PDB file of N, CA and C in Angstrom:
ATOM      1  N   MET A   1      26.386 -16.855  12.005  1.00  0.00           N
ATOM      2  CA  MET A   1      25.422 -15.687  12.543  1.00  0.00           C
ATOM      3  C   MET A   1      24.464 -15.243  11.378  1.00  0.00           C
ATOM      4  N   THR A   2      23.085 -15.172  11.884  1.00  0.00           N
ATOM      5  CA  THR A   2      22.075 -15.012  10.785  1.00  0.00           C
ATOM      6  C   THR A   2      22.109 -13.504  10.667  1.00  0.00           C
ATOM      7  N   PRO A   3      21.698 -13.005   9.438  1.00  0.00           N
ATOM      8  CA  PRO A   3      21.578 -11.605   9.043  1.00  0.00           C
ATOM      9  C   PRO A   3      20.328 -11.037   9.650  1.00  0.00           C
ATOM     10  N   SER A   4      20.528  -9.605  10.235  1.00  0.00           N
ATOM     11  CA  SER A   4      19.362  -8.984  10.773  1.00  0.00           C
ATOM     12  C   SER A   4      18.304  -8.515   9.657  1.00  0.00           C
ATOM     13  N   PRO A   5      16.975  -8.554  10.088  1.00  0.00           N
ATOM     14  CA  PRO A   5      16.328  -8.096   8.913  1.00  0.00           C
ATOM     15  C   PRO A   5      16.287  -6.655   8.614  1.00  0.00           C
ATOM     16  N   THR A   6      15.925  -6.343   7.438  1.00  0.00           N
ATOM     17  CA  THR A   6      16.042  -4.889   7.177  1.00  0.00           C
ATOM     18  C   THR A   6      14.655  -4.279   7.943  1.00  0.00           C
ATOM     19  N   LEU A   7      14.866  -3.223   8.653  1.00  0.00           N
ATOM     20  CA  LEU A   7      13.784  -2.443   9.175  1.00  0.00           C
ATOM     21  C   LEU A   7      13.612  -1.237   8.526  1.00  0.00           C
ATOM     22  N   TYR A   8      12.284  -0.815   8.345  1.00  0.00           N
ATOM     23  CA  TYR A   8      12.066   0.735   7.739  1.00  0.00           C
ATOM     24  C   TYR A   8      11.397   1.430   8.750  1.00  0.00           C
ATOM     25  N   THR A   9      11.688   2.659   8.595  1.00  0.00           N
ATOM     26  CA  THR A   9      11.080   3.840   9.604  1.00  0.00           C
ATOM     27  C   THR A   9       9.650   4.163   8.819  1.00  0.00           C
ATOM     28  N   VAL A  10       8.841   4.821   9.443  1.00  0.00           N
ATOM     29  CA  VAL A  10       7.590   5.301   8.894  1.00  0.00           C
ATOM     30  C   VAL A  10       7.856   6.217   7.697  1.00  0.00           C
ATOM     31  N   ARG A  11       8.905   7.114   7.702  1.00  0.00           N
ATOM     32  CA  ARG A  11       9.046   7.987   6.610  1.00  0.00           C
ATOM     33  C   ARG A  11       9.791   7.154   5.528  1.00  0.00           C
ATOM     34  N   GLU A  12      10.394   6.085   5.596  1.00  0.00           N
ATOM     35  CA  GLU A  12      10.818   5.201   4.492  1.00  0.00           C
ATOM     36  C   GLU A  12       9.747   4.371   3.884  1.00  0.00           C
ATOM     37  N   ILE A  13       8.688   4.013   4.724  1.00  0.00           N
ATOM     38  CA  ILE A  13       7.625   3.259   4.180  1.00  0.00           C
ATOM     39  C   ILE A  13       6.633   4.417   3.271  1.00  0.00           C
ATOM     40  N   ALA A  14       6.447   5.722   3.742  1.00  0.00           N
ATOM     41  CA  ALA A  14       5.719   6.544   3.052  1.00  0.00           C
ATOM     42  C   ALA A  14       6.578   6.933   1.864  1.00  0.00           C
ATOM     43  N   ASP A  15       7.873   7.060   1.852  1.00  0.00           N
ATOM     44  CA  ASP A  15       8.435   7.392   0.567  1.00  0.00           C
ATOM     45  C   ASP A  15       8.514   6.253  -0.488  1.00  0.00           C
ATOM     46  N   THR A  16       8.457   4.948   0.035  1.00  0.00           N
ATOM     47  CA  THR A  16       8.272   3.817  -0.868  1.00  0.00           C
ATOM     48  C   THR A  16       6.985   3.675  -1.546  1.00  0.00           C
ATOM     49  N   LEU A  17       5.893   4.004  -0.676  1.00  0.00           N
ATOM     50  CA  LEU A  17       4.607   3.760  -1.143  1.00  0.00           C
ATOM     51  C   LEU A  17       4.111   5.166  -1.770  1.00  0.00           C
ATOM     52  N   ARG A  18       4.914   6.236  -1.768  1.00  0.00           N
ATOM     53  CA  ARG A  18       4.457   7.502  -2.143  1.00  0.00           C
ATOM     54  C   ARG A  18       3.146   8.009  -1.703  1.00  0.00           C
ATOM     55  N   ILE A  19       3.372   7.970  -0.209  1.00  0.00           N
ATOM     56  CA  ILE A  19       2.010   8.310   0.587  1.00  0.00           C
ATOM     57  C   ILE A  19       2.579   9.378   1.646  1.00  0.00           C
ATOM     58  N   HIS A  20       1.650  10.141   2.194  1.00  0.00           N
ATOM     59  CA  HIS A  20       2.050  10.928   3.424  1.00  0.00           C
ATOM     60  C   HIS A  20       2.552  10.199   4.533  1.00  0.00           C
ATOM     61  N   PRO A  21       3.546  10.667   5.291  1.00  0.00           N
ATOM     62  CA  PRO A  21       3.961   9.760   6.396  1.00  0.00           C
ATOM     63  C   PRO A  21       2.853   9.551   7.475  1.00  0.00           C
ATOM     64  N   ARG A  22       1.729  10.549   7.459  1.00  0.00           N
ATOM     65  CA  ARG A  22       0.654  10.301   8.434  1.00  0.00           C
ATOM     66  C   ARG A  22      -0.233   9.119   7.876  1.00  0.00           C
ATOM     67  N   THR A  23      -0.219   8.893   6.614  1.00  0.00           N
ATOM     68  CA  THR A  23      -0.997   7.916   6.130  1.00  0.00           C
ATOM     69  C   THR A  23      -0.259   6.592   6.329  1.00  0.00           C
ATOM     70  N   ALA A  24       1.007   6.501   6.297  1.00  0.00           N
ATOM     71  CA  ALA A  24       1.917   5.382   6.495  1.00  0.00           C
ATOM     72  C   ALA A  24       1.746   5.003   8.152  1.00  0.00           C
ATOM     73  N   TYR A  25       1.677   6.020   8.832  1.00  0.00           N
ATOM     74  CA  TYR A  25       1.689   5.905  10.311  1.00  0.00           C
ATOM     75  C   TYR A  25       0.354   5.243  10.795  1.00  0.00           C
ATOM     76  N   ARG A  26      -0.580   5.783  10.038  1.00  0.00           N
ATOM     77  CA  ARG A  26      -1.945   5.213  10.300  1.00  0.00           C
ATOM     78  C   ARG A  26      -2.174   3.732   9.931  1.00  0.00           C
ATOM     79  N   LEU A  27      -1.535   3.389   8.634  1.00  0.00           N
ATOM     80  CA  LEU A  27      -1.814   1.930   8.291  1.00  0.00           C
ATOM     81  C   LEU A  27      -0.837   0.902   9.171  1.00  0.00           C
ATOM     82  N   ILE A  28       0.047   1.689   9.809  1.00  0.00           N
ATOM     83  CA  ILE A  28       0.860   0.767  10.815  1.00  0.00           C
ATOM     84  C   ILE A  28      -0.006   0.586  12.067  1.00  0.00           C
ATOM     85  N   GLN A  29      -0.507   1.801  12.522  1.00  0.00           N
ATOM     86  CA  GLN A  29      -1.191   1.631  13.830  1.00  0.00           C
ATOM     87  C   GLN A  29      -2.467   0.961  13.701  1.00  0.00           C
ATOM     88  N   GLU A  30      -2.907   0.861  12.411  1.00  0.00           N
ATOM     89  CA  GLU A  30      -4.421   0.048  12.135  1.00  0.00           C
ATOM     90  C   GLU A  30      -3.907  -1.344  11.868  1.00  0.00           C
ATOM     91  N   GLY A  31      -2.674  -1.874  11.841  1.00  0.00           N
ATOM     92  CA  GLY A  31      -2.103  -3.280  11.710  1.00  0.00           C
ATOM     93  C   GLY A  31      -2.319  -3.524  10.223  1.00  0.00           C
ATOM     94  N   LYS A  32      -2.546  -2.543   9.360  1.00  0.00           N
ATOM     95  CA  LYS A  32      -2.664  -3.158   7.793  1.00  0.00           C
ATOM     96  C   LYS A  32      -1.258  -3.369   7.342  1.00  0.00           C
ATOM     97  N   ILE A  33      -0.260  -2.678   7.907  1.00  0.00           N
ATOM     98  CA  ILE A  33       1.187  -3.002   7.827  1.00  0.00           C
ATOM     99  C   ILE A  33       1.807  -3.415   9.131  1.00  0.00           C
ATOM    100  N   ARG A  34       2.221  -4.637   9.333  1.00  0.00           N
ATOM    101  CA  ARG A  34       2.595  -4.929  10.458  1.00  0.00           C
ATOM    102  C   ARG A  34       4.052  -4.402  10.843  1.00  0.00           C
ATOM    103  N   GLY A  35       4.269  -3.702  11.890  1.00  0.00           N
ATOM    104  CA  GLY A  35       5.377  -2.991  12.569  1.00  0.00           C
ATOM    105  C   GLY A  35       5.667  -3.664  13.875  1.00  0.00           C
ATOM    106  N   ILE A  36       6.706  -2.980  14.330  1.00  0.00           N
ATOM    107  CA  ILE A  36       7.063  -3.283  15.747  1.00  0.00           C
ATOM    108  C   ILE A  36       7.486  -1.833  16.310  1.00  0.00           C
ATOM    109  N   LYS A  37       7.408  -1.661  17.721  1.00  0.00           N
ATOM    110  CA  LYS A  37       7.559  -0.532  18.257  1.00  0.00           C
ATOM    111  C   LYS A  37       8.810  -0.589  18.950  1.00  0.00           C
ATOM    112  N   VAL A  38       9.896   0.266  18.643  1.00  0.00           N
ATOM    113  CA  VAL A  38      11.055   0.344  19.379  1.00  0.00           C
ATOM    114  C   VAL A  38      11.020   1.613  20.010  1.00  0.00           C
ATOM    115  N   GLY A  39      10.902   1.479  21.346  1.00  0.00           N
ATOM    116  CA  GLY A  39      10.825   2.794  22.109  1.00  0.00           C
ATOM    117  C   GLY A  39       9.450   3.176  21.788  1.00  0.00           C
ATOM    118  N   SER A  40       9.432   4.694  21.279  1.00  0.00           N
ATOM    119  CA  SER A  40       8.315   5.454  20.858  1.00  0.00           C
ATOM    120  C   SER A  40       8.374   5.583  19.271  1.00  0.00           C
ATOM    121  N   GLN A  41       9.106   4.834  18.489  1.00  0.00           N
ATOM    122  CA  GLN A  41       9.112   4.755  17.168  1.00  0.00           C
ATOM    123  C   GLN A  41       8.633   3.439  16.623  1.00  0.00           C
ATOM    124  N   TRP A  42       7.901   3.460  15.521  1.00  0.00           N
ATOM    125  CA  TRP A  42       7.773   2.314  14.716  1.00  0.00           C
ATOM    126  C   TRP A  42       8.684   1.795  13.720  1.00  0.00           C
ATOM    127  N   ARG A  43       8.919   0.576  13.545  1.00  0.00           N
ATOM    128  CA  ARG A  43       9.718   0.104  12.645  1.00  0.00           C
ATOM    129  C   ARG A  43       8.880  -1.026  11.908  1.00  0.00           C
ATOM    130  N   VAL A  44       9.281  -1.184  10.534  1.00  0.00           N
ATOM    131  CA  VAL A  44       8.551  -2.215   9.645  1.00  0.00           C
ATOM    132  C   VAL A  44       9.574  -3.012   9.203  1.00  0.00           C
ATOM    133  N   PRO A  45       9.324  -4.435   9.308  1.00  0.00           N
ATOM    134  CA  PRO A  45      10.429  -5.330   8.447  1.00  0.00           C
ATOM    135  C   PRO A  45       9.871  -5.266   7.129  1.00  0.00           C
ATOM    136  N   GLU A  46      10.931  -5.491   6.306  1.00  0.00           N
ATOM    137  CA  GLU A  46      10.807  -5.577   4.965  1.00  0.00           C
ATOM    138  C   GLU A  46       9.785  -6.576   4.432  1.00  0.00           C
ATOM    139  N   SER A  47       9.851  -7.646   5.119  1.00  0.00           N
ATOM    140  CA  SER A  47       8.816  -8.779   4.719  1.00  0.00           C
ATOM    141  C   SER A  47       7.370  -8.319   5.002  1.00  0.00           C
ATOM    142  N   SER A  48       6.994  -7.364   5.995  1.00  0.00           N
ATOM    143  CA  SER A  48       5.713  -6.875   6.073  1.00  0.00           C
ATOM    144  C   SER A  48       5.373  -5.873   5.072  1.00  0.00           C
ATOM    145  N   LEU A  49       6.417  -5.051   4.643  1.00  0.00           N
ATOM    146  CA  LEU A  49       5.917  -4.137   3.667  1.00  0.00           C
ATOM    147  C   LEU A  49       5.626  -4.924   2.420  1.00  0.00           C
ATOM    148  N   LEU A  50       6.440  -5.989   2.139  1.00  0.00           N
ATOM    149  CA  LEU A  50       6.159  -6.695   0.818  1.00  0.00           C
ATOM    150  C   LEU A  50       4.787  -7.559   0.894  1.00  0.00           C
ATOM    151  N   GLU A  51       4.479  -7.918   2.050  1.00  0.00           N
ATOM    152  CA  GLU A  51       3.110  -8.514   2.302  1.00  0.00           C
ATOM    153  C   GLU A  51       1.931  -7.613   2.124  1.00  0.00           C
ATOM    154  N   TYR A  52       2.061  -6.310   2.543  1.00  0.00           N
ATOM    155  CA  TYR A  52       1.145  -5.335   2.170  1.00  0.00           C
ATOM    156  C   TYR A  52       1.014  -5.074   0.821  1.00  0.00           C
ATOM    157  N   ILE A  53       2.059  -4.795   0.160  1.00  0.00           N
ATOM    158  CA  ILE A  53       2.072  -4.641  -1.294  1.00  0.00           C
ATOM    159  C   ILE A  53       1.549  -5.622  -2.153  1.00  0.00           C
ATOM    160  N   GLU A  54       1.769  -7.050  -1.826  1.00  0.00           N
ATOM    161  CA  GLU A  54       1.152  -8.232  -2.394  1.00  0.00           C
ATOM    162  C   GLU A  54      -0.262  -8.155  -2.271  1.00  0.00           C
ATOM    163  N   SER A  55      -0.606  -7.864  -0.977  1.00  0.00           N
ATOM    164  CA  SER A  55      -2.154  -7.934  -0.549  1.00  0.00           C
ATOM    165  C   SER A  55      -2.968  -6.995  -1.592  1.00  0.00           C
ATOM    166  N   GLY A  56      -2.177  -5.843  -1.781  1.00  0.00           N
ATOM    167  CA  GLY A  56      -2.927  -4.744  -2.674  1.00  0.00           C
ATOM    168  C   GLY A  56      -3.015  -5.259  -4.099  1.00  0.00           C
ATOM    169  N   LEU A  57      -2.035  -5.971  -4.545  1.00  0.00           N
ATOM    170  CA  LEU A  57      -2.025  -6.543  -5.910  1.00  0.00           C
ATOM    171  C   LEU A  57      -3.045  -7.490  -6.170  1.00  0.00           C
ATOM    172  N   LYS A  58      -3.327  -8.405  -5.052  1.00  0.00           N
ATOM    173  CA  LYS A  58      -4.295  -9.248  -5.181  1.00  0.00           C
ATOM    174  C   LYS A  58      -5.712  -8.666  -5.184  1.00  0.00           C
ATOM    175  N   ALA A  59      -5.812  -7.784  -4.539  1.00  0.00           N
ATOM    176  CA  ALA A  59      -7.251  -7.003  -4.379  1.00  0.00           C
ATOM    177  C   ALA A  59      -7.582  -5.963  -5.222  1.00  0.00           C
ATOM    178  N   ALA A  60      -6.667  -5.680  -6.035  1.00  0.00           N
ATOM    179  CA  ALA A  60      -6.907  -4.686  -7.385  1.00  0.00           C
ATOM    180  C   ALA A  60      -7.990  -5.204  -8.107  1.00  0.00           C
ATOM    181  N   PRO A  61      -9.052  -4.368  -8.311  1.00  0.00           N
ATOM    182  CA  PRO A  61     -10.233  -4.736  -9.299  1.00  0.00           C
ATOM    183  C   PRO A  61      -9.703  -4.816 -10.739  1.00  0.00           C
ATOM    184  N   LYS A  62     -10.310  -5.677 -11.384  1.00  0.00           N
ATOM    185  CA  LYS A  62      -9.843  -5.928 -12.886  1.00  0.00           C
ATOM    186  C   LYS A  62     -10.699  -4.621 -13.600  1.00  0.00           C
ATOM    187  N   LYS A  63     -10.077  -4.223 -14.584  1.00  0.00           N
ATOM    188  CA  LYS A  63     -10.902  -3.331 -15.403  1.00  0.00           C
ATOM    189  C   LYS A  63     -12.138  -4.137 -16.254  1.00  0.00           C
ATOM    190  N   ALA A  64     -13.053  -3.165 -16.323  1.00  0.00           N
ATOM    191  CA  ALA A  64     -14.218  -3.701 -17.133  1.00  0.00           C
ATOM    192  C   ALA A  64     -13.970  -3.642 -18.734  1.00  0.00           C
ATOM    193  N   LYS A  65     -14.362  -4.849 -19.278  1.00  0.00           N
ATOM    194  CA  LYS A  65     -14.213  -4.790 -20.865  1.00  0.00           C
ATOM    195  C   LYS A  65     -15.054  -3.887 -21.333  1.00  0.00           C
ATOM    196  N   ARG A  66     -14.538  -3.191 -22.532  1.00  0.00           N
ATOM    197  CA  ARG A  66     -15.305  -2.288 -23.171  1.00  0.00           C
ATOM    198  C   ARG A  66     -15.920  -3.067 -24.716  1.00  0.00           C
ATOM    199  N   GLY A  67     -16.791  -2.362 -25.202  1.00  0.00           N
ATOM    200  CA  GLY A  67     -17.477  -2.850 -26.433  1.00  0.00           C
ATOM    201  C   GLY A  67     -16.335  -2.456 -27.394  1.00  0.00           C
ATOM    202  N   LYS A  68     -16.510  -2.989 -28.714  1.00  0.00           N
ATOM    203  CA  LYS A  68     -15.635  -2.603 -29.746  1.00  0.00           C
ATOM    204  C   LYS A  68     -15.582  -1.227 -30.222  1.00  0.00           C
ATOM    205  N   ASP A  69     -16.786  -0.406 -29.781  1.00  0.00           N
ATOM    206  CA  ASP A  69     -16.769   0.968 -30.114  1.00  0.00           C
ATOM    207  C   ASP A  69     -16.201   1.952 -29.005  1.00  0.00           C
ATOM    208  N   GLY A  70     -15.822   1.033 -28.068  1.00  0.00           N
ATOM    209  CA  GLY A  70     -15.004   2.116 -26.809  1.00  0.00           C
ATOM    210  C   GLY A  70     -16.329   2.129 -25.670  1.00  0.00           C
ATOM    211  N   PRO A  71     -16.028   3.127 -24.856  1.00  0.00           N
ATOM    212  CA  PRO A  71     -17.065   3.224 -23.722  1.00  0.00           C
ATOM    213  C   PRO A  71     -18.434   3.768 -24.253  1.00  0.00           C
ATOM    214  N   GLU A  72     -19.370   3.382 -23.587  1.00  0.00           N
ATOM    215  CA  GLU A  72     -20.610   3.908 -23.968  1.00  0.00           C
ATOM    216  C   GLU A  72     -20.680   5.467 -23.650  1.00  0.00           C
ATOM    217  N   GLN A  73     -21.382   6.171 -24.584  1.00  0.00           N
ATOM    218  CA  GLN A  73     -21.566   7.618 -24.408  1.00  0.00           C
ATOM    219  C   GLN A  73     -22.967   7.844 -23.942  1.00  0.00           C
ATOM    220  N   LEU A  74     -23.082   8.761 -23.189  1.00  0.00           N
ATOM    221  CA  LEU A  74     -24.298   9.363 -22.955  1.00  0.00           C
ATOM    222  C   LEU A  74     -24.867  10.299 -23.937  1.00  0.00           C
ATOM    223  N   LYS A  75     -26.148   9.935 -24.258  1.00  0.00           N
ATOM    224  CA  LYS A  75     -26.738  10.731 -25.443  1.00  0.00           C
ATOM    225  C   LYS A  75     -27.828  11.701 -24.761  1.00  0.00           C
ATOM    226  N   LEU A  76     -27.792  12.955 -24.869  1.00  0.00           N
ATOM    227  CA  LEU A  76     -28.511  13.853 -24.317  1.00  0.00           C
ATOM    228  C   LEU A  76     -29.646  14.423 -25.446  1.00  0.00           C
ATOM    229  N   PRO A  77     -30.803  14.659 -25.099  1.00  0.00           N
ATOM    230  CA  PRO A  77     -31.743  15.191 -25.996  1.00  0.00           C
ATOM    231  C   PRO A  77     -31.248  16.621 -26.480  1.00  0.00           C
ATOM    232  N   ILE A  78     -31.533  17.091 -27.633  1.00  0.00           N
ATOM    233  CA  ILE A  78     -31.072  18.442 -28.149  1.00  0.00           C
ATOM    234  C   ILE A  78     -32.351  19.321 -27.823  1.00  0.00           C
TER     235      ILE A  78
END
């Protein structure tokens, strides 16, 4: 017998990502996090949540390098 996949509720997704439940719901509705509808409620397979997190890690911008004196400061005339 194959094990059933772990399914998360919208609230569990929100708690995991530390976002508001409405934001989690919107991400699911927009297809950014793949989910399935069970009756009137959404469920998200663990694999879909992990894919979403991975895609965010790949898209994260790299920090700009600073000069050896640190960030450039704005000099205002006195």
